[in-house]
Amino acid sequence: MVEMVVEGVGTTLEGTGYVVTLKEKGGHARFPIAIGFAEARAIKTALRRDPWPQPHDLILALLKSFDAVITQVEIRTLAGGVCQAYLRIYWKGRWVEVGCRPSDGIALAVRSGCPIMVAEDVLAKAGWVLSCIGSARPAPPADDESLAIFRDFVNSLNLEWPEPPNR
């Protein structure tokens, strides 16, 4: 597992979707995850330390009331372009795992301060390396078939700048 931190939340170029980008802690790898509006807002408010409580704050309050703590969020699998995450919770001397969407796990991790971990094989399939210099993880070959979903996405982007308005 590779520890990641939230690098940012943004919109797609079309402005029709949202993406959270995770960055390898102390490294160069990046891992983008497509998310919805509500999830983007939840992560952004957590990053800003917004004082207004959100549903994820309620989840953490409930866990705290039962003396349970989220120790880490793990993004373990990627199948058909969909990731599966798990909350690792310590409760009453034992470990409990709860499946969740990666976006909800990330929102909880940002709020609680616990680490976000991504499986090496998931990162190898869907992550990318900003620079291979100083990274123990080499960039995958450009013709790697596991990159097809991202190649298709990049090829679908409209990179034309809009014409400036006439004044």
Foldseek 3Di string as FASTA:
>chain_A
DFWWAWPAKDAAPVRPWIWIWIAGVVFFKIFIATDHPVLNVLQVCLVVVPVDDDVLVVVQVVCVVQVKDFQEKEFEDADPNAIKIWTWMQGPNDTDIDIDGVSSRNSNCSNRVHTYYYDPVVCLLGMAGPDCVPHPDDGDDPPPPSCVVVVVVVVPDDPDDDDDDDD
